[in-house]
């Protein structure tokens, strides 16, 4: 991943996880991050939010269809299994130990990731509207 200038409204060193706000699996992942990221290294933004849409547009990603979680960090934009593994590597044990999965070739990791991502609504369901963060977690989300 090449170094790029940061999108507007992001500070140097800030890490943002973009996720599908209507996907039940993706919302579960966001809740998992809130629970296990005790050092508050990551901010969250749903791709349906104005901030999420602006970040997608900044990186030239589709704003009407999104099939991957994304991570924006000091090294730029990461998607699919690379995003997941970069996030896990920053979480406390035992989650950090899963970063060893980087040893699996990326095409195989991404193929597995895509099988879940492309079928996530069928497998896990979806919400009718994007879920809003609870008041005690609001500071973890980027705001419009």
N, C-alpha and C. Protein backbone atom coordinates (compact mmCIF):
# COMPACT_ATOMS: atom_id res chain seq x y z
N UNK A 1 0.86 -1.17 0.00
CA UNK A 1 0.00 0.00 0.00
C UNK A 1 0.90 1.23 0.00
N UNK A 2 0.67 2.12 -0.89
CA UNK A 2 1.50 3.31 -0.97
C UNK A 2 0.97 4.40 -0.04
N UNK A 3 1.87 5.23 0.43
CA UNK A 3 1.50 6.33 1.31
C UNK A 3 0.73 7.38 0.51
N UNK A 4 -0.40 7.80 1.00
CA UNK A 4 -1.21 8.82 0.37
C UNK A 4 -1.45 9.92 1.38
N UNK A 5 -1.85 11.08 0.90
CA UNK A 5 -2.25 12.11 1.83
C UNK A 5 -3.54 11.65 2.50
N UNK A 6 -3.74 12.15 3.71
CA UNK A 6 -4.93 11.76 4.46
C UNK A 6 -6.17 12.43 3.90
N UNK A 7 -7.29 11.73 3.98
CA UNK A 7 -8.56 12.36 3.59
C UNK A 7 -8.86 13.54 4.51
N UNK A 8 -9.68 14.47 4.04
CA UNK A 8 -10.07 15.59 4.91
C UNK A 8 -10.74 15.06 6.18
N UNK A 9 -10.58 15.77 7.25
CA UNK A 9 -11.19 15.47 8.55
C UNK A 9 -10.55 14.29 9.28
N UNK A 10 -9.44 13.75 8.77
CA UNK A 10 -8.72 12.71 9.51
C UNK A 10 -7.38 13.26 9.94
N UNK A 11 -7.04 13.01 11.19
CA UNK A 11 -5.78 13.49 11.73
C UNK A 11 -4.70 12.45 11.50
N UNK A 12 -3.46 12.90 11.48
CA UNK A 12 -2.33 11.98 11.35
C UNK A 12 -2.39 10.97 12.50
N UNK A 13 -2.17 9.70 12.18
CA UNK A 13 -2.20 8.65 13.18
C UNK A 13 -3.58 8.09 13.47
N UNK A 14 -4.61 8.70 12.93
CA UNK A 14 -5.97 8.21 13.16
C UNK A 14 -6.24 6.99 12.29
N UNK A 15 -6.91 6.00 12.85
CA UNK A 15 -7.27 4.78 12.13
C UNK A 15 -8.78 4.68 12.10
N UNK A 16 -9.32 4.49 10.89
CA UNK A 16 -10.77 4.42 10.73
C UNK A 16 -11.14 3.11 10.07
N UNK A 17 -12.14 2.44 10.64
CA UNK A 17 -12.69 1.21 10.07
C UNK A 17 -14.03 1.56 9.44
N UNK A 18 -14.15 1.32 8.14
CA UNK A 18 -15.41 1.50 7.42
C UNK A 18 -16.13 0.17 7.37
N UNK A 19 -17.41 0.18 7.70
CA UNK A 19 -18.19 -1.06 7.70
C UNK A 19 -19.60 -0.79 7.19
N UNK A 20 -20.26 -1.85 6.76
CA UNK A 20 -21.63 -1.77 6.25
C UNK A 20 -22.58 -1.67 7.44
N UNK A 21 -23.20 -0.52 7.61
CA UNK A 21 -24.04 -0.26 8.78
C UNK A 21 -25.35 -1.00 8.82
N UNK A 22 -25.80 -1.60 7.72
CA UNK A 22 -27.05 -2.36 7.75
C UNK A 22 -26.80 -3.86 7.85
N UNK A 23 -25.57 -4.29 7.72
CA UNK A 23 -25.21 -5.71 7.79
C UNK A 23 -25.09 -6.14 9.25
N UNK A 24 -25.80 -7.19 9.63
CA UNK A 24 -25.75 -7.66 11.01
C UNK A 24 -24.37 -8.19 11.37
N UNK A 25 -23.70 -8.87 10.46
CA UNK A 25 -22.34 -9.35 10.72
C UNK A 25 -21.40 -8.16 10.93
N UNK A 26 -21.50 -7.16 10.07
CA UNK A 26 -20.63 -5.99 10.15
C UNK A 26 -20.87 -5.20 11.43
N UNK A 27 -22.12 -5.08 11.85
CA UNK A 27 -22.44 -4.42 13.11
C UNK A 27 -21.87 -5.20 14.29
N UNK A 28 -21.92 -6.52 14.19
CA UNK A 28 -21.30 -7.35 15.22
C UNK A 28 -19.80 -7.12 15.29
N UNK A 29 -19.15 -6.95 14.13
CA UNK A 29 -17.73 -6.66 14.07
C UNK A 29 -17.44 -5.30 14.72
N UNK A 30 -18.28 -4.30 14.46
CA UNK A 30 -18.09 -2.98 15.06
C UNK A 30 -18.22 -3.07 16.59
N UNK A 31 -19.21 -3.82 17.08
CA UNK A 31 -19.37 -4.00 18.52
C UNK A 31 -18.17 -4.75 19.11
N UNK A 32 -17.66 -5.74 18.37
CA UNK A 32 -16.46 -6.48 18.79
C UNK A 32 -15.28 -5.51 18.96
N UNK A 33 -15.09 -4.63 17.98
CA UNK A 33 -13.98 -3.67 18.06
C UNK A 33 -14.14 -2.74 19.25
N UNK A 34 -15.35 -2.25 19.48
CA UNK A 34 -15.58 -1.37 20.62
C UNK A 34 -15.23 -2.09 21.92
N UNK A 35 -15.60 -3.35 22.03
CA UNK A 35 -15.36 -4.12 23.25
C UNK A 35 -13.88 -4.46 23.44
N UNK A 36 -13.18 -4.80 22.36
CA UNK A 36 -11.81 -5.31 22.50
C UNK A 36 -10.72 -4.29 22.22
N UNK A 37 -11.04 -3.18 21.62
CA UNK A 37 -10.06 -2.12 21.35
C UNK A 37 -10.04 -1.18 22.55
N UNK A 38 -9.50 -1.66 23.65
CA UNK A 38 -9.53 -0.89 24.90
C UNK A 38 -8.67 0.36 24.82
N UNK A 39 -7.67 0.37 23.94
CA UNK A 39 -6.81 1.54 23.80
C UNK A 39 -7.42 2.58 22.85
N UNK A 40 -8.58 2.26 22.31
CA UNK A 40 -9.31 3.17 21.40
C UNK A 40 -8.44 3.61 20.23
N UNK A 41 -7.83 2.63 19.58
CA UNK A 41 -6.97 2.89 18.44
C UNK A 41 -7.76 3.15 17.16
N UNK A 42 -9.00 2.63 17.12
CA UNK A 42 -9.80 2.69 15.89
C UNK A 42 -11.04 3.54 16.10
N UNK A 43 -11.36 4.32 15.07
CA UNK A 43 -12.65 5.00 14.98
C UNK A 43 -13.46 4.22 13.96
N UNK A 44 -14.76 4.34 14.01
CA UNK A 44 -15.66 3.61 13.12
C UNK A 44 -16.50 4.57 12.30
N UNK A 45 -16.83 4.13 11.09
CA UNK A 45 -17.75 4.89 10.24
C UNK A 45 -18.51 3.90 9.36
N UNK A 46 -19.83 4.00 9.37
CA UNK A 46 -20.59 3.16 8.46
C UNK A 46 -20.47 3.74 7.06
N UNK A 47 -20.49 2.89 6.07
CA UNK A 47 -20.37 3.36 4.69
C UNK A 47 -21.61 4.13 4.26
N UNK A 48 -22.71 3.99 4.99
CA UNK A 48 -23.94 4.72 4.66
C UNK A 48 -23.93 6.14 5.21
N UNK A 49 -23.05 6.44 6.16
CA UNK A 49 -23.01 7.78 6.75
C UNK A 49 -22.37 8.76 5.77
N UNK A 50 -22.61 10.04 5.98
CA UNK A 50 -22.00 11.06 5.12
C UNK A 50 -20.48 10.98 5.19
N UNK A 51 -19.94 10.76 6.39
CA UNK A 51 -18.49 10.65 6.55
C UNK A 51 -17.97 9.41 5.82
N UNK A 52 -18.68 8.29 5.96
CA UNK A 52 -18.28 7.07 5.25
C UNK A 52 -18.34 7.24 3.75
N UNK A 53 -19.39 7.89 3.26
CA UNK A 53 -19.51 8.14 1.82
C UNK A 53 -18.37 9.03 1.32
N UNK A 54 -18.01 10.04 2.11
CA UNK A 54 -16.91 10.93 1.72
C UNK A 54 -15.58 10.17 1.66
N UNK A 55 -15.36 9.27 2.60
CA UNK A 55 -14.11 8.48 2.60
C UNK A 55 -14.07 7.53 1.42
N UNK A 56 -15.20 6.89 1.11
CA UNK A 56 -15.25 6.01 -0.06
C UNK A 56 -14.92 6.81 -1.32
N UNK A 57 -15.54 7.97 -1.47
CA UNK A 57 -15.31 8.80 -2.64
C UNK A 57 -13.85 9.25 -2.71
N UNK A 58 -13.27 9.61 -1.58
CA UNK A 58 -11.87 10.06 -1.53
C UNK A 58 -10.95 9.00 -2.13
N UNK A 59 -11.23 7.73 -1.83
CA UNK A 59 -10.39 6.64 -2.31
C UNK A 59 -10.87 6.05 -3.64
N UNK A 60 -11.88 6.64 -4.23
CA UNK A 60 -12.36 6.17 -5.52
C UNK A 60 -13.11 4.85 -5.46
N UNK A 61 -13.70 4.54 -4.31
CA UNK A 61 -14.47 3.31 -4.15
C UNK A 61 -15.94 3.60 -4.44
N UNK A 62 -16.70 2.57 -4.86
CA UNK A 62 -18.13 2.80 -5.12
C UNK A 62 -18.84 3.24 -3.85
N UNK A 63 -19.75 4.19 -3.99
CA UNK A 63 -20.50 4.67 -2.83
C UNK A 63 -21.89 4.05 -2.74
N UNK A 64 -22.28 3.30 -3.77
CA UNK A 64 -23.61 2.70 -3.78
C UNK A 64 -23.59 1.21 -3.47
N UNK A 65 -22.43 0.60 -3.49
CA UNK A 65 -22.31 -0.84 -3.23
C UNK A 65 -20.95 -1.04 -2.58
N UNK A 66 -20.94 -1.73 -1.45
CA UNK A 66 -19.69 -1.92 -0.73
C UNK A 66 -19.64 -3.35 -0.22
N UNK A 67 -18.66 -4.11 -0.68
CA UNK A 67 -18.58 -5.54 -0.35
C UNK A 67 -17.39 -5.90 0.52
N UNK A 68 -16.80 -4.93 1.19
CA UNK A 68 -15.65 -5.21 2.03
C UNK A 68 -15.58 -4.23 3.18
N UNK A 69 -15.02 -4.68 4.26
CA UNK A 69 -14.64 -3.77 5.32
C UNK A 69 -13.36 -3.09 4.85
N UNK A 70 -13.14 -1.87 5.30
CA UNK A 70 -11.92 -1.16 4.92
C UNK A 70 -11.30 -0.55 6.17
N UNK A 71 -9.99 -0.42 6.12
CA UNK A 71 -9.23 0.25 7.18
C UNK A 71 -8.42 1.37 6.54
N UNK A 72 -8.50 2.54 7.12
CA UNK A 72 -7.65 3.66 6.71
C UNK A 72 -6.70 3.90 7.87
N UNK A 73 -5.41 3.81 7.60
CA UNK A 73 -4.41 4.07 8.64
C UNK A 73 -3.24 4.84 8.06
N UNK A 74 -2.16 4.92 8.79
CA UNK A 74 -1.00 5.71 8.37
C UNK A 74 -0.42 5.26 7.04
N UNK A 75 -0.68 4.02 6.65
CA UNK A 75 -0.15 3.49 5.39
C UNK A 75 -1.16 3.62 4.25
N UNK A 76 -2.36 4.13 4.50
CA UNK A 76 -3.35 4.30 3.44
C UNK A 76 -4.58 3.45 3.64
N UNK A 77 -5.16 3.02 2.53
CA UNK A 77 -6.39 2.25 2.52
C UNK A 77 -6.07 0.76 2.39
N UNK A 78 -6.74 -0.05 3.22
CA UNK A 78 -6.61 -1.50 3.17
C UNK A 78 -8.01 -2.08 3.12
N UNK A 79 -8.21 -3.11 2.31
CA UNK A 79 -9.52 -3.75 2.19
C UNK A 79 -9.37 -5.26 2.34
N UNK A 80 -10.52 -5.89 2.51
CA UNK A 80 -10.65 -7.34 2.56
C UNK A 80 -9.77 -7.93 3.66
N UNK A 81 -9.10 -9.03 3.37
CA UNK A 81 -8.36 -9.72 4.43
C UNK A 81 -7.20 -8.89 4.96
N UNK A 82 -6.60 -8.05 4.14
CA UNK A 82 -5.51 -7.19 4.63
C UNK A 82 -6.02 -6.24 5.72
N UNK A 83 -7.20 -5.67 5.53
CA UNK A 83 -7.78 -4.78 6.54
C UNK A 83 -8.03 -5.55 7.83
N UNK A 84 -8.65 -6.70 7.71
CA UNK A 84 -8.97 -7.51 8.88
C UNK A 84 -7.71 -7.87 9.66
N UNK A 85 -6.67 -8.32 8.97
CA UNK A 85 -5.45 -8.75 9.65
C UNK A 85 -4.68 -7.58 10.26
N UNK A 86 -4.71 -6.42 9.62
CA UNK A 86 -4.05 -5.24 10.20
C UNK A 86 -4.76 -4.81 11.49
N UNK A 87 -6.08 -4.93 11.51
CA UNK A 87 -6.84 -4.60 12.71
C UNK A 87 -6.52 -5.60 13.82
N UNK A 88 -6.59 -6.89 13.51
CA UNK A 88 -6.32 -7.91 14.52
C UNK A 88 -4.93 -7.77 15.11
N UNK A 89 -3.95 -7.38 14.30
CA UNK A 89 -2.57 -7.24 14.77
C UNK A 89 -2.44 -6.14 15.83
N UNK A 90 -3.39 -5.21 15.89
CA UNK A 90 -3.33 -4.12 16.87
C UNK A 90 -4.19 -4.37 18.11
N UNK A 91 -4.96 -5.44 18.10
CA UNK A 91 -5.80 -5.76 19.25
C UNK A 91 -4.98 -6.56 20.27
N UNK A 92 -5.46 -6.62 21.51
CA UNK A 92 -4.74 -7.41 22.51
C UNK A 92 -4.87 -8.91 22.22
N UNK A 93 -4.05 -9.69 22.91
CA UNK A 93 -4.15 -11.14 22.79
C UNK A 93 -5.51 -11.56 23.35
N UNK A 94 -6.14 -12.61 22.90
CA UNK A 94 -5.64 -13.58 21.93
C UNK A 94 -5.85 -13.18 20.48
N UNK A 95 -6.54 -12.05 20.25
CA UNK A 95 -6.89 -11.65 18.88
C UNK A 95 -5.66 -11.34 18.04
N UNK A 96 -4.65 -10.73 18.65
CA UNK A 96 -3.43 -10.39 17.93
C UNK A 96 -2.77 -11.63 17.34
N UNK A 97 -2.90 -12.76 18.02
CA UNK A 97 -2.27 -14.00 17.54
C UNK A 97 -2.82 -14.42 16.17
N UNK A 98 -4.04 -14.00 15.85
CA UNK A 98 -4.62 -14.37 14.55
C UNK A 98 -3.93 -13.69 13.37
N UNK A 99 -3.09 -12.72 13.65
CA UNK A 99 -2.37 -12.04 12.58
C UNK A 99 -1.44 -12.99 11.84
N UNK A 100 -1.15 -14.16 12.41
CA UNK A 100 -0.32 -15.16 11.71
C UNK A 100 -0.98 -15.59 10.40
N UNK A 101 -2.26 -15.34 10.26
CA UNK A 101 -2.95 -15.71 9.03
C UNK A 101 -2.39 -14.97 7.81
N UNK A 102 -1.56 -13.95 8.06
CA UNK A 102 -0.89 -13.26 6.95
C UNK A 102 0.02 -14.19 6.17
N UNK A 103 0.40 -15.30 6.79
CA UNK A 103 1.27 -16.26 6.11
C UNK A 103 0.54 -16.99 4.98
N UNK A 104 -0.78 -16.98 5.03
CA UNK A 104 -1.58 -17.57 3.95
C UNK A 104 -1.54 -16.60 2.78
N UNK A 105 -1.30 -17.07 1.57
CA UNK A 105 -1.25 -16.16 0.42
C UNK A 105 -2.52 -15.31 0.31
N UNK A 106 -2.33 -14.03 0.02
CA UNK A 106 -3.45 -13.09 -0.03
C UNK A 106 -4.57 -13.52 -0.98
N UNK A 107 -4.28 -14.04 -2.19
CA UNK A 107 -5.39 -14.46 -3.05
C UNK A 107 -6.30 -15.49 -2.38
N UNK A 108 -5.72 -16.41 -1.64
CA UNK A 108 -6.53 -17.42 -0.94
C UNK A 108 -7.29 -16.79 0.22
N UNK A 109 -6.64 -15.90 1.00
CA UNK A 109 -7.32 -15.19 2.09
C UNK A 109 -8.48 -14.37 1.56
N UNK A 110 -8.24 -13.63 0.47
CA UNK A 110 -9.29 -12.78 -0.09
C UNK A 110 -10.43 -13.60 -0.68
N UNK A 111 -10.12 -14.74 -1.25
CA UNK A 111 -11.17 -15.61 -1.78
C UNK A 111 -12.09 -16.05 -0.65
N UNK A 112 -11.52 -16.46 0.47
CA UNK A 112 -12.32 -16.87 1.63
C UNK A 112 -13.12 -15.68 2.17
N UNK A 113 -12.46 -14.53 2.27
CA UNK A 113 -13.13 -13.32 2.75
C UNK A 113 -14.33 -12.98 1.86
N UNK A 114 -14.11 -13.04 0.55
CA UNK A 114 -15.17 -12.71 -0.40
C UNK A 114 -16.37 -13.63 -0.29
N UNK A 115 -16.15 -14.91 -0.01
CA UNK A 115 -17.26 -15.85 0.12
C UNK A 115 -18.20 -15.40 1.23
N UNK A 116 -17.65 -14.94 2.32
CA UNK A 116 -18.47 -14.47 3.43
C UNK A 116 -19.07 -13.11 3.10
N UNK A 117 -18.25 -12.18 2.63
CA UNK A 117 -18.71 -10.81 2.38
C UNK A 117 -19.84 -10.77 1.35
N UNK A 118 -19.72 -11.53 0.29
CA UNK A 118 -20.73 -11.49 -0.77
C UNK A 118 -22.03 -12.17 -0.37
N UNK A 119 -22.00 -12.99 0.67
CA UNK A 119 -23.20 -13.70 1.14
C UNK A 119 -23.62 -13.26 2.54
N UNK A 120 -23.10 -12.14 3.03
CA UNK A 120 -23.31 -11.76 4.43
C UNK A 120 -24.77 -11.49 4.76
N UNK A 121 -25.53 -10.90 3.85
CA UNK A 121 -26.94 -10.63 4.15
C UNK A 121 -27.72 -11.94 4.23
N UNK A 122 -27.44 -12.85 3.32
CA UNK A 122 -28.15 -14.13 3.32
C UNK A 122 -27.78 -14.96 4.55
N UNK A 123 -26.51 -14.95 4.92
CA UNK A 123 -26.04 -15.76 6.04
C UNK A 123 -26.37 -15.16 7.41
N UNK A 124 -26.28 -13.83 7.54
CA UNK A 124 -26.41 -13.20 8.84
C UNK A 124 -27.58 -12.24 8.96
N UNK A 125 -28.13 -11.81 7.83
CA UNK A 125 -29.26 -10.88 7.85
C UNK A 125 -28.82 -9.44 7.74
N UNK A 126 -29.82 -8.57 7.67
CA UNK A 126 -29.54 -7.14 7.55
C UNK A 126 -30.59 -6.36 8.31
N UNK A 127 -30.21 -5.16 8.72
CA UNK A 127 -31.12 -4.23 9.37
C UNK A 127 -31.77 -3.38 8.28
N UNK A 128 -32.98 -2.91 8.54
CA UNK A 128 -33.67 -2.07 7.57
C UNK A 128 -32.99 -0.70 7.44
N UNK A 129 -32.45 -0.21 8.52
CA UNK A 129 -31.74 1.08 8.51
C UNK A 129 -30.41 0.89 9.22
N UNK A 130 -29.50 1.81 8.96
CA UNK A 130 -28.19 1.78 9.59
C UNK A 130 -28.37 2.01 11.10
N UNK A 131 -27.77 1.16 11.89
CA UNK A 131 -27.86 1.30 13.34
C UNK A 131 -27.00 2.47 13.82
N UNK A 132 -27.51 3.20 14.77
CA UNK A 132 -26.77 4.33 15.33
C UNK A 132 -26.02 3.86 16.57
N UNK A 133 -24.86 4.46 16.85
CA UNK A 133 -24.12 4.07 18.04
C UNK A 133 -24.87 4.49 19.29
N UNK A 134 -24.69 3.72 20.35
CA UNK A 134 -25.28 4.10 21.63
C UNK A 134 -24.53 5.31 22.16
N UNK A 135 -25.13 6.01 23.10
CA UNK A 135 -24.55 7.25 23.62
C UNK A 135 -23.16 7.01 24.21
N UNK A 136 -22.94 5.88 24.88
CA UNK A 136 -21.64 5.63 25.49
C UNK A 136 -20.57 5.23 24.49
N UNK A 137 -20.94 4.94 23.24
CA UNK A 137 -19.97 4.58 22.21
C UNK A 137 -19.88 5.63 21.10
N UNK A 138 -20.64 6.70 21.22
CA UNK A 138 -20.71 7.69 20.13
C UNK A 138 -19.35 8.27 19.78
N UNK A 139 -18.49 8.46 20.77
CA UNK A 139 -17.17 9.06 20.48
C UNK A 139 -16.29 8.15 19.67
N UNK A 140 -16.64 6.88 19.53
CA UNK A 140 -15.84 5.94 18.75
C UNK A 140 -16.14 6.06 17.26
N UNK A 141 -17.22 6.76 16.90
CA UNK A 141 -17.65 6.88 15.51
C UNK A 141 -17.28 8.25 14.96
N UNK A 142 -16.93 8.28 13.66
CA UNK A 142 -16.76 9.57 12.99
C UNK A 142 -18.14 10.19 12.85
N UNK A 143 -18.21 11.48 13.02
CA UNK A 143 -19.50 12.17 12.92
C UNK A 143 -19.52 13.06 11.70
N UNK A 144 -20.73 13.22 11.16
CA UNK A 144 -20.94 14.05 9.97
C UNK A 144 -20.86 15.51 10.33
